[in-house]
Protein backbone atom coordinates (compact mmCIF):
# COMPACT_ATOMS: atom_id res chain seq x y z
CA MET A 1 155.63 104.25 274.08
CA LYS A 2 153.60 107.39 273.79
CA ARG A 3 149.62 107.30 274.35
CA LEU A 4 150.37 103.28 275.74
CA LEU A 5 146.64 103.86 277.53
CA ALA A 6 144.50 104.16 275.00
CA ALA A 7 143.21 100.53 275.67
CA LEU A 8 142.99 101.22 279.50
CA ILE A 9 140.44 104.11 279.18
CA LEU A 10 137.91 103.12 282.18
CA GLY A 11 134.63 103.81 281.71
CA LEU A 12 131.39 103.58 284.30
CA SER A 13 128.30 101.35 283.35
CA VAL A 14 125.37 100.83 286.27
CA SER A 15 123.16 98.40 283.89
CA ALA A 16 122.82 95.10 284.82
CA GLN A 17 121.68 92.17 283.35
CA GLY A 18 122.54 93.95 279.67
CA GLN A 19 119.60 96.47 279.94
CA VAL A 20 121.64 99.31 279.07
CA TRP A 21 118.93 101.75 278.85
CA LYS A 22 118.30 101.44 282.14
CA THR A 23 118.27 104.57 285.21
CA VAL A 24 118.67 104.82 288.77
CA PRO A 25 115.22 106.64 290.11
CA LYS A 26 114.92 110.05 291.04
CA GLY A 27 116.77 110.98 294.39
CA VAL A 28 118.83 107.39 294.20
CA ARG A 29 123.29 107.63 293.81
CA ILE A 30 125.41 104.78 292.65
CA LEU A 31 128.59 104.81 293.58
CA GLY A 32 131.31 102.82 291.46
CA TYR A 33 134.90 101.49 292.45
CA ARG A 34 137.15 99.72 289.80
CA ASN A 35 140.61 98.15 290.05
CA VAL A 36 142.92 97.10 287.22
CA THR A 37 145.88 94.89 287.07
CA THR A 38 147.37 95.11 283.44
CA SER A 39 149.28 91.87 282.29
CA LYS A 40 153.10 93.14 281.33
CA VAL A 41 152.17 94.75 278.33
CA LYS A 42 155.64 93.42 275.99
CA SER A 43 153.98 94.15 272.32
CA ASN A 44 151.57 96.05 270.44
CA TYR A 45 149.82 95.57 266.92
CA ASN A 46 152.06 97.48 264.53
CA GLN A 47 150.36 99.63 261.17
CA PHE A 48 150.42 96.18 259.97
CA ARG A 49 147.96 95.03 262.32
CA SER A 50 150.58 91.98 263.17
CA GLU A 51 152.38 91.83 266.74
CA SER A 52 155.64 93.07 267.20
CA SER A 53 157.98 94.45 270.21
CA LEU A 54 156.74 97.46 272.18
CA GLY A 55 160.15 98.58 271.81
CA SER A 56 162.30 99.73 268.51
CA GLU A 57 164.93 98.41 266.40
CA PHE A 58 167.06 101.50 264.75
CA ARG A 59 169.84 100.80 262.42
CA LEU A 60 172.83 103.52 261.94
CA ASP A 61 173.93 103.03 258.48
CA ALA A 62 175.41 105.65 255.60
CA THR A 63 171.73 106.01 254.67
CA THR A 64 170.54 106.85 258.47
CA LEU A 65 173.51 109.36 258.83
CA ASN A 66 172.91 111.00 255.80
CA SER A 67 169.11 111.56 256.37
CA ILE A 68 169.93 113.12 260.02
CA ALA A 69 173.00 115.04 258.35
CA ASN A 70 173.68 115.21 255.16
CA ASN A 71 177.12 113.92 254.11
CA VAL A 72 178.66 114.55 257.17
CA ILE A 73 180.59 110.96 257.78
CA VAL A 74 179.48 109.45 254.06
CA PRO A 75 179.75 111.96 251.76
CA GLY A 76 177.40 110.93 249.64
CA GLU A 77 176.09 107.57 247.55
CA ASP A 78 178.80 108.87 244.90
CA ILE A 79 180.92 106.54 246.84
CA ASN A 80 181.71 103.11 245.86
CA ALA A 81 178.80 101.24 245.78
CA ASP A 82 179.17 98.35 248.22
CA ALA A 83 181.60 100.10 250.66
CA TYR A 84 178.26 102.76 251.42
CA ASN A 85 176.05 99.42 251.43
CA ASN A 86 178.35 98.00 253.98
CA PHE A 87 178.74 100.83 255.93
CA LEU A 88 177.51 100.49 259.55
CA ILE A 89 177.98 101.96 262.61
CA GLY A 90 175.00 99.42 264.50
CA GLU A 91 172.15 98.00 265.15
CA TYR A 92 170.15 98.35 268.37
CA LYS A 93 167.06 97.20 269.81
CA VAL A 94 165.26 99.08 272.73
CA ASP A 95 163.56 96.57 274.81
CA ALA A 96 160.57 97.79 276.79
CA ALA A 97 157.87 96.47 278.92
CA ALA A 98 155.29 98.17 280.97
CA GLN A 99 152.92 97.43 283.27
CA PHE A 100 149.61 99.39 284.78
CA ASN A 101 147.55 99.18 288.14
CA VAL A 102 144.24 101.75 287.93
CA HIS A 103 141.70 102.50 290.36
CA GLY A 104 138.79 104.30 288.99
CA LEU A 105 136.02 105.92 291.29
CA GLY A 106 132.10 106.93 289.70
CA PHE A 107 129.09 108.01 291.33
CA GLY A 108 125.81 108.66 289.52
CA TYR A 109 122.15 110.63 290.54
CA GLY A 110 119.17 110.23 289.43
CA ILE A 111 117.67 113.87 288.68
CA THR A 112 114.93 112.60 287.29
CA ASP A 113 113.31 108.67 286.61
CA LYS A 114 114.81 109.19 283.32
CA VAL A 115 117.91 111.12 283.64
CA MET A 116 121.26 110.64 285.52
CA LEU A 117 123.76 112.98 286.21
CA TYR A 118 127.61 110.82 285.90
CA ALA A 119 131.48 111.71 286.40
CA GLU A 120 134.11 109.20 287.04
CA VAL A 121 138.20 109.48 287.14
CA ALA A 122 140.95 107.03 287.62
CA PHE A 123 143.92 107.38 289.39
CA TYR A 124 146.51 105.41 287.54
CA ASN A 125 150.02 103.48 288.87
CA ALA A 126 152.31 103.18 285.48
CA GLN A 127 155.67 101.17 285.51
CA VAL A 128 157.67 100.89 282.26
CA GLN A 129 161.26 99.22 281.74
CA THR A 130 163.68 99.89 279.12
CA ASN A 131 167.24 98.97 278.60
CA ILE A 132 169.17 100.05 275.29
CA LYS A 133 170.96 96.79 273.89
CA ARG A 134 173.37 96.83 270.81
CA THR A 135 172.29 93.68 267.97
CA LYS A 136 175.20 94.11 265.50
CA LYS A 137 178.79 95.66 265.84
CA ASN A 138 180.11 97.98 262.75
CA THR A 139 181.73 97.53 259.61
CA TYR A 140 184.57 100.09 259.80
CA GLY A 141 187.28 97.30 259.07
CA ASP A 142 185.01 95.77 256.16
CA THR A 143 184.19 99.11 254.59
CA SER A 144 187.74 99.91 255.00
CA ASN A 145 188.96 97.11 252.96
CA ILE A 146 186.22 98.00 250.33
CA LEU A 147 187.59 101.10 249.72
CA HIS A 148 190.96 100.55 249.66
CA ASN A 149 190.48 97.90 246.70
CA SER A 150 188.55 99.75 244.28
CA GLU A 151 189.67 102.36 242.05
CA GLY A 152 187.76 105.60 243.62
CA GLY A 153 191.40 107.28 243.96
CA VAL A 154 193.08 109.43 246.82
CA SER A 155 189.60 110.66 247.73
CA GLU A 156 188.21 107.36 248.73
CA GLU A 157 191.45 106.40 250.27
CA ALA A 158 191.21 109.47 252.61
CA LEU A 159 188.08 107.89 253.61
CA ALA A 160 188.59 104.52 253.46
CA ASP A 161 191.01 105.81 256.81
CA ASN A 162 188.81 107.98 258.59
CA ILE A 163 186.13 105.42 258.32
CA LYS A 164 188.53 103.19 259.75
CA ASN A 165 189.50 105.32 262.52
CA LEU A 166 185.80 105.93 263.37
CA PRO A 167 184.95 105.58 267.38
CA ASP A 168 182.90 102.73 267.95
CA VAL A 169 179.61 103.36 269.40
CA ASP A 170 178.05 100.79 272.01
CA GLU A 171 175.22 101.58 274.24
CA ALA A 172 176.73 103.78 276.20
CA VAL A 173 177.61 105.79 273.54
CA ILE A 174 174.04 105.95 272.38
CA GLN A 175 172.74 106.66 275.63
CA SER A 176 174.85 109.75 275.96
CA ALA A 177 174.04 111.19 272.63
CA ILE A 178 170.19 111.07 273.45
CA THR A 179 170.99 112.99 276.91
CA ARG A 180 173.58 115.00 276.09
CA HIS A 181 173.11 115.96 272.32
CA TYR A 182 169.31 115.59 272.15
CA GLY A 183 168.73 117.10 275.69
CA TYR A 184 166.36 113.47 276.70
CA LYS A 185 166.56 112.07 280.68
CA PRO A 186 168.37 108.82 280.14
CA ILE A 187 166.49 105.74 278.80
CA GLY A 188 165.67 103.21 281.52
CA ASP A 189 163.45 102.18 284.18
CA TRP A 190 160.21 104.43 285.05
CA THR A 191 157.54 104.59 287.76
CA GLY A 192 154.72 107.07 286.91
CA ALA A 193 151.47 107.69 289.27
CA GLY A 194 148.47 110.48 288.94
CA TYR A 195 145.27 110.65 287.95
CA GLY A 196 143.69 110.59 284.44
CA ASP A 197 140.81 112.55 282.01
CA MET A 198 137.85 112.77 283.90
CA GLU A 199 133.88 111.89 282.08
CA THR A 200 131.18 113.60 283.00
CA GLY A 201 127.65 113.68 281.62
CA LEU A 202 123.83 112.85 281.21
CA MET A 203 122.73 109.43 280.85
CA ALA A 204 118.80 109.91 279.42
CA LYS A 205 116.47 107.37 279.05
CA VAL A 206 114.27 107.89 275.96
CA ILE A 207 112.59 104.67 275.52
CA ASP A 208 111.85 102.00 277.79
CA LYS A 209 109.06 99.42 276.73
CA GLY A 210 109.50 96.72 279.68
CA ILE A 211 111.61 94.17 277.78
CA TRP A 212 113.60 97.27 275.16
CA GLY A 213 114.79 100.75 275.37
CA VAL A 214 116.97 103.22 274.15
CA MET A 215 119.45 105.28 276.55
CA LEU A 216 121.38 108.34 275.02
CA TYR A 217 124.81 109.23 276.69
CA PRO A 218 125.80 112.84 275.91
CA GLY A 219 129.44 114.02 277.99
CA LEU A 220 132.37 115.43 278.10
CA ILE A 221 136.16 114.70 278.82
CA LEU A 222 138.26 117.20 280.62
CA PRO A 223 141.56 117.06 280.47
CA THR A 224 142.34 116.59 283.95
CA GLY A 225 145.15 113.80 283.44
CA ARG A 226 148.87 114.09 283.21
CA GLN A 227 150.57 114.47 279.73
CA ASP A 228 153.62 113.22 278.38
CA ASP A 229 157.16 114.31 279.14
CA PRO A 230 158.96 115.49 275.61
CA ASP A 231 161.94 114.81 277.32
CA ILE A 232 161.01 111.42 278.61
CA LEU A 233 161.01 108.70 275.66
CA GLN A 234 159.46 106.11 278.10
CA ASP A 235 157.13 107.58 279.67
CA VAL A 236 153.43 107.10 279.67
CA GLY A 237 150.73 110.20 279.86
CA PHE A 238 147.01 109.40 281.53
CA GLY A 239 145.76 111.90 279.37
CA ASP A 240 145.39 113.82 276.18
CA GLY A 241 145.49 117.18 277.60
CA GLN A 242 142.41 118.56 275.96
CA PHE A 243 138.74 118.49 275.79
CA ASP A 244 136.62 115.61 274.53
CA ILE A 245 132.79 115.73 273.35
CA PHE A 246 131.13 112.53 272.86
CA GLY A 247 127.73 111.25 271.81
CA GLU A 248 126.58 107.80 272.92
CA VAL A 249 123.46 105.57 272.25
CA GLY A 250 122.94 102.54 274.10
CA THR A 251 119.91 99.92 273.51
CA GLY A 252 119.32 96.63 274.65
CA TYR A 253 116.62 93.71 274.62
CA VAL A 254 115.75 91.46 277.07
CA VAL A 255 114.73 87.36 275.90
CA ASN A 256 113.78 86.22 279.52
CA ASP A 257 114.66 86.47 283.21
CA ASN A 258 118.08 84.56 282.33
CA LEU A 259 118.98 85.63 278.95
CA SER A 260 119.27 89.66 277.38
CA PHE A 261 121.46 91.70 274.94
CA GLY A 262 123.08 94.97 274.96
CA THR A 263 125.24 97.40 272.70
CA THR A 264 126.52 100.86 272.78
CA PHE A 265 127.93 102.93 269.93
CA ARG A 266 129.99 106.10 271.08
CA TYR A 267 131.52 108.82 268.68
CA THR A 268 134.27 111.37 270.62
CA TYR A 269 135.11 114.77 268.51
CA GLN A 270 138.85 115.12 270.18
CA MET A 271 138.92 118.90 270.14
CA PRO A 272 141.91 120.44 269.36
CA THR A 273 144.74 121.92 271.35
CA GLN A 274 148.29 123.64 271.54
CA LYS A 275 151.25 121.21 272.47
CA GLU A 276 154.99 121.43 272.99
CA LEU A 277 156.35 118.51 271.31
CA ARG A 278 160.06 117.46 270.05
CA ILE A 279 160.44 118.31 265.88
CA PRO A 280 161.01 115.59 264.05
CA GLU A 281 163.92 115.47 260.94
CA SER A 282 162.60 112.25 259.54
CA ARG A 283 159.64 110.39 259.27
CA ASP A 284 161.57 107.54 260.57
CA PHE A 285 163.53 109.11 263.21
CA SER A 286 161.62 110.79 265.63
CA LEU A 287 164.74 111.98 268.00
CA SER A 288 165.32 115.45 267.92
CA ASP A 289 167.27 118.21 269.64
CA ARG A 290 164.52 120.94 268.76
CA LYS A 291 161.47 121.73 270.42
CA GLY A 292 158.33 123.38 268.85
CA ASP A 293 154.57 124.81 269.21
CA PHE A 294 152.16 122.46 267.39
CA ASN A 295 148.27 122.80 266.96
CA VAL A 296 147.79 119.27 267.79
CA LYS A 297 143.55 117.62 266.87
CA TYR A 298 143.57 114.03 267.62
CA GLY A 299 141.68 111.87 265.67
CA ASP A 300 138.43 111.24 266.52
CA ARG A 301 137.48 107.75 268.16
CA LEU A 302 134.29 105.69 267.25
CA ASN A 303 133.62 102.59 270.35
CA TRP A 304 131.18 100.02 269.66
CA MET A 305 130.13 97.54 271.80
CA VAL A 306 128.27 94.20 271.91
CA ASN A 307 126.78 91.91 274.54
CA SER A 308 125.14 89.40 275.74
CA THR A 309 123.83 88.34 279.23
CA PHE A 310 123.31 84.88 281.00
CA GLY A 311 121.51 84.58 284.32
CA LEU A 312 121.97 81.48 286.40
CA ASN A 313 120.04 82.86 289.32
CA ASP A 314 118.92 86.16 290.64
CA TRP A 315 123.01 86.58 291.71
CA ILE A 316 125.41 85.31 289.19
CA SER A 317 125.30 85.98 285.96
CA PHE A 318 127.98 86.14 283.06
CA THR A 319 128.79 88.51 280.18
CA PRO A 320 130.57 87.86 277.01
CA MET A 321 131.09 91.03 275.18
CA TYR A 322 133.35 92.03 272.48
CA ARG A 323 134.70 95.84 271.90
CA PHE A 324 135.83 97.64 268.68
CA MET A 325 137.54 100.99 268.72
CA TYR A 326 138.82 103.31 265.64
CA GLN A 327 141.04 106.37 266.20
CA MET A 328 140.60 108.75 262.65
CA PRO A 329 144.62 110.24 261.91
CA SER A 330 145.66 113.00 263.75
CA GLU A 331 146.84 116.25 262.37
CA TYR A 332 149.42 118.24 263.54
CA SER A 333 149.77 122.11 261.96
CA SER A 334 152.83 124.00 262.66
CA GLU A 335 155.51 126.37 260.80
CA PHE A 336 157.31 123.46 260.65
CA SER A 337 155.55 121.66 257.53
CA GLN A 338 157.49 119.12 257.23
CA ALA A 339 157.39 118.00 260.66
CA ASP A 340 153.77 117.60 261.19
CA GLU A 341 153.50 115.38 258.10
CA TYR A 342 155.78 112.75 259.90
CA LEU A 343 154.10 113.40 262.92
CA SER A 344 150.66 112.63 261.30
CA TYR A 345 152.19 109.92 259.74
CA ASN A 346 150.54 106.48 260.77
CA THR A 347 148.56 107.82 263.60
CA SER A 348 144.90 106.18 263.43
CA LYS A 349 144.64 103.01 265.78
CA VAL A 350 142.56 99.81 265.72
CA GLU A 351 141.56 97.97 268.62
CA HIS A 352 139.66 94.41 268.93
CA GLN A 353 138.47 93.29 272.98
CA VAL A 354 137.09 90.80 274.04
CA GLN A 355 135.30 90.51 277.59
CA LEU A 356 134.33 87.91 279.74
CA THR A 357 132.37 89.43 283.34
CA THR A 358 131.08 87.52 286.34
CA SER A 359 129.00 89.23 288.54
CA LEU A 360 127.51 88.77 291.44
CA SER A 361 124.39 90.62 292.38
CA SER A 362 122.22 91.71 295.02
CA ILE A 363 120.35 93.82 293.24
CA GLN A 364 117.59 91.56 291.95
CA PRO A 365 116.89 90.08 295.49
CA PHE A 366 116.55 93.53 296.40
CA LEU A 367 113.86 94.53 294.15
CA LYS A 368 111.89 91.33 295.19
CA LYS A 369 112.40 92.33 298.95
CA LYS A 370 114.67 89.69 299.66
CA PHE A 371 118.25 91.51 300.49
CA LEU A 372 118.16 94.64 302.29
CA LEU A 373 121.55 96.32 300.14
CA PRO A 374 121.54 96.73 296.10
CA ALA A 375 124.90 96.37 295.04
CA GLN A 376 127.12 94.35 292.72
CA ILE A 377 130.42 93.04 292.07
CA ASN A 378 132.04 92.55 288.81
CA MET A 379 134.49 90.16 288.10
CA ASN A 380 135.96 91.16 284.37
CA LEU A 381 138.63 89.28 282.47
CA VAL A 382 139.54 91.58 279.15
CA GLN A 383 142.34 90.79 276.69
CA THR A 384 143.08 92.69 273.34
CA VAL A 385 143.18 90.05 270.37
CA GLY A 386 143.95 92.63 267.70
CA GLY A 387 144.43 95.72 266.01
CA GLN A 388 146.46 98.58 264.44
CA ASN A 389 148.81 100.63 266.25
CA VAL A 390 147.45 99.63 269.83
CA PRO A 391 149.48 97.35 272.83
CA LYS A 392 148.45 93.84 273.36
CA VAL A 393 147.44 93.68 276.41
CA GLY A 394 145.16 91.53 278.91
CA ARG A 395 143.59 93.43 282.27
CA PHE A 396 141.55 91.96 285.10
CA GLU A 397 139.12 94.02 286.53
CA LEU A 398 137.04 93.87 290.15
CA GLU A 399 134.49 96.42 290.21
CA LEU A 400 132.30 97.22 292.99
CA ARG A 401 128.72 99.18 292.41
CA MET A 402 126.61 100.13 295.28
CA LEU A 403 123.33 101.83 294.83
CA PHE A 404 121.70 104.34 298.15
């Protein structure tokens, strides 16, 4: 469940009708509010870019046990191969689903006619449901019979008796091991609320030719959001815990009063930070009863957006949009070199999203002196349609923008 909100970062854009290079005039303020409600998130796009359950599945067999605690229960692969391969404590599945409601607030101020200062922050409400299910029972009896019927001698006879008398490991035992042995809080339903990271920066109009232009967006993301708790497996952090620096460029072209195009590109550098994390013992088994200090450098992120706006009239417009995100692999460094490798494995991300925005705006009527208040209401339908290591999520956004 860690870093699940990567697809839910809110962004404030004051542009209308696809004119992404426009700023508000000097002394004019813009206030934006956005409410985001997601669908229930039950799956994600895994490292192979195919859809898989949001929860995890794991198997406790001889190989798993020996990777965690070498030769404690099944003494190596030198015993009867059929018995070794047959030995199973159980297979388990952690069902997980999550849902979010987000309130975002943004503010902008025209420093000059070409430069605007802005800031935005979001408040998150999250609900996560998790449940452990056992999907396969133990094979103690079958494994014991294989050993009894083999020609391994007294040692395998004794091992057969020991395996037959092992305690059964059901869901309650797994929960107990997670809490008592590893020190995590119980797996179950979790709710959380808090602020996300705050974004602030400038929008600087560098070219404005009337029908096309270019805007630069330098900015900073402040670590004001709640971070993941290393003692809660099913929690969700609302922030990364480090400063980010980004630069964005936007441009667009107006074909006529009813059709325009826009695109933006952003590069985000995520600054290194110190974190206390669990120290994984293997790449495929992340549970650990030890913690350590790590220098974490989350991968830099690329975001690209392209849209087209179709104006039905001065009041109503429709904007289909495509978004692409790529995050480079993260890097971990500590005195635990093997754990650094495990934590860094498979941390790159790719995301493809489509969006349809329906806008009701009084900005054009205001500019034509046909309406008293310049405001805009946007209704956005957003869906993740592909990716790698990101959740599959749909969301509905209701957004209000006011100029004053």
